[in-house]
Amino acid sequence: MLGAADKASDFTLHTVDDVPISLSDMFQTSRSTLLVFLRHLG
């Protein structure tokens, strides 16, 4: 578990359009990133 100010490991996920995006890609465009994980209900 990460604590306050701990850095998360880089990882890559696919968007709903099947485009890969990594955590490091998100930090290149913004200092703050909010990740929301939704459970697939299909």
N, C-alpha and C. Protein backbone atom coordinates (compact mmCIF):
# COMPACT_ATOMS: atom_id res chain seq x y z
N MET A 1 0.84 -1.17 0.00
CA MET A 1 0.00 0.00 0.00
C MET A 1 0.89 1.24 0.00
N LEU A 2 0.48 2.22 -0.75
CA LEU A 2 1.23 3.46 -0.83
C LEU A 2 0.79 4.42 0.26
N GLY A 3 1.75 5.14 0.78
CA GLY A 3 1.45 6.17 1.75
C GLY A 3 1.45 7.53 1.07
N ALA A 4 1.16 8.56 1.84
CA ALA A 4 1.17 9.93 1.31
C ALA A 4 2.56 10.25 0.78
N ALA A 5 2.62 10.83 -0.40
CA ALA A 5 3.86 11.26 -1.08
C ALA A 5 4.69 10.11 -1.63
N ASP A 6 4.20 8.86 -1.53
CA ASP A 6 4.89 7.73 -2.18
C ASP A 6 4.61 7.76 -3.67
N LYS A 7 5.60 7.37 -4.46
CA LYS A 7 5.41 7.32 -5.91
C LYS A 7 4.92 5.94 -6.33
N ALA A 8 3.93 5.92 -7.19
CA ALA A 8 3.39 4.67 -7.71
C ALA A 8 4.30 4.14 -8.82
N SER A 9 4.36 2.84 -8.97
CA SER A 9 5.11 2.23 -10.05
C SER A 9 4.42 2.52 -11.38
N ASP A 10 5.21 2.63 -12.44
CA ASP A 10 4.62 2.88 -13.76
C ASP A 10 3.90 1.63 -14.24
N PHE A 11 2.78 1.82 -14.91
CA PHE A 11 2.03 0.71 -15.49
C PHE A 11 1.30 1.20 -16.72
N THR A 12 0.87 0.28 -17.55
CA THR A 12 0.15 0.61 -18.78
C THR A 12 -1.19 -0.11 -18.79
N LEU A 13 -2.24 0.62 -19.13
CA LEU A 13 -3.59 0.08 -19.28
C LEU A 13 -4.11 0.45 -20.65
N HIS A 14 -5.21 -0.16 -21.06
CA HIS A 14 -5.84 0.17 -22.33
C HIS A 14 -7.14 0.92 -22.07
N THR A 15 -7.37 1.97 -22.85
CA THR A 15 -8.61 2.74 -22.74
C THR A 15 -9.76 1.92 -23.33
N VAL A 16 -10.96 2.44 -23.23
CA VAL A 16 -12.12 1.75 -23.81
C VAL A 16 -12.00 1.67 -25.33
N ASP A 17 -11.17 2.52 -25.94
CA ASP A 17 -10.92 2.48 -27.38
C ASP A 17 -9.71 1.63 -27.72
N ASP A 18 -9.21 0.86 -26.74
CA ASP A 18 -8.07 -0.04 -26.87
C ASP A 18 -6.75 0.69 -27.19
N VAL A 19 -6.63 1.91 -26.69
CA VAL A 19 -5.40 2.68 -26.85
C VAL A 19 -4.58 2.53 -25.56
N PRO A 20 -3.33 2.06 -25.66
CA PRO A 20 -2.53 1.92 -24.44
C PRO A 20 -2.13 3.28 -23.88
N ILE A 21 -2.19 3.41 -22.57
CA ILE A 21 -1.76 4.63 -21.90
C ILE A 21 -1.09 4.24 -20.59
N SER A 22 0.03 4.88 -20.31
CA SER A 22 0.77 4.55 -19.10
C SER A 22 0.68 5.68 -18.09
N LEU A 23 0.97 5.36 -16.85
CA LEU A 23 0.96 6.37 -15.80
C LEU A 23 1.98 7.46 -16.10
N SER A 24 3.13 7.09 -16.61
CA SER A 24 4.16 8.09 -16.94
C SER A 24 3.68 9.02 -18.06
N ASP A 25 2.87 8.52 -19.01
CA ASP A 25 2.29 9.38 -20.05
C ASP A 25 1.40 10.45 -19.43
N MET A 26 0.62 10.06 -18.43
CA MET A 26 -0.28 10.99 -17.78
C MET A 26 0.49 12.09 -17.04
N PHE A 27 1.60 11.75 -16.43
CA PHE A 27 2.38 12.74 -15.69
C PHE A 27 3.16 13.68 -16.60
N GLN A 28 3.30 13.35 -17.88
CA GLN A 28 3.96 14.26 -18.81
C GLN A 28 3.06 15.45 -19.13
N THR A 29 1.76 15.26 -19.03
CA THR A 29 0.83 16.33 -19.37
C THR A 29 0.26 17.03 -18.14
N SER A 30 0.40 16.42 -16.96
CA SER A 30 -0.17 16.99 -15.74
C SER A 30 0.59 16.49 -14.52
N ARG A 31 0.66 17.31 -13.50
CA ARG A 31 1.32 16.89 -12.26
C ARG A 31 0.41 15.99 -11.43
N SER A 32 -0.88 16.17 -11.56
CA SER A 32 -1.84 15.39 -10.78
C SER A 32 -2.64 14.49 -11.70
N THR A 33 -2.88 13.29 -11.25
CA THR A 33 -3.66 12.33 -12.03
C THR A 33 -4.60 11.58 -11.10
N LEU A 34 -5.85 11.49 -11.48
CA LEU A 34 -6.84 10.74 -10.74
C LEU A 34 -7.19 9.49 -11.53
N LEU A 35 -7.03 8.34 -10.90
CA LEU A 35 -7.37 7.07 -11.55
C LEU A 35 -8.68 6.56 -10.97
N VAL A 36 -9.58 6.19 -11.86
CA VAL A 36 -10.87 5.63 -11.43
C VAL A 36 -11.01 4.27 -12.10
N PHE A 37 -11.17 3.24 -11.32
CA PHE A 37 -11.33 1.89 -11.84
C PHE A 37 -12.79 1.48 -11.71
N LEU A 38 -13.40 1.17 -12.84
CA LEU A 38 -14.78 0.73 -12.85
C LEU A 38 -14.84 -0.76 -13.18
N ARG A 39 -15.64 -1.48 -12.47
CA ARG A 39 -15.79 -2.90 -12.72
C ARG A 39 -16.67 -3.11 -13.94
N HIS A 40 -16.23 -3.96 -14.83
CA HIS A 40 -17.00 -4.26 -16.05
C HIS A 40 -18.23 -5.08 -15.66
N LEU A 41 -19.37 -4.61 -16.07
CA LEU A 41 -20.61 -5.28 -15.69
C LEU A 41 -21.20 -6.08 -16.83
N GLY A 42 -20.42 -6.36 -17.87
CA GLY A 42 -20.94 -7.08 -19.03
C GLY A 42 -20.65 -8.46 -18.95
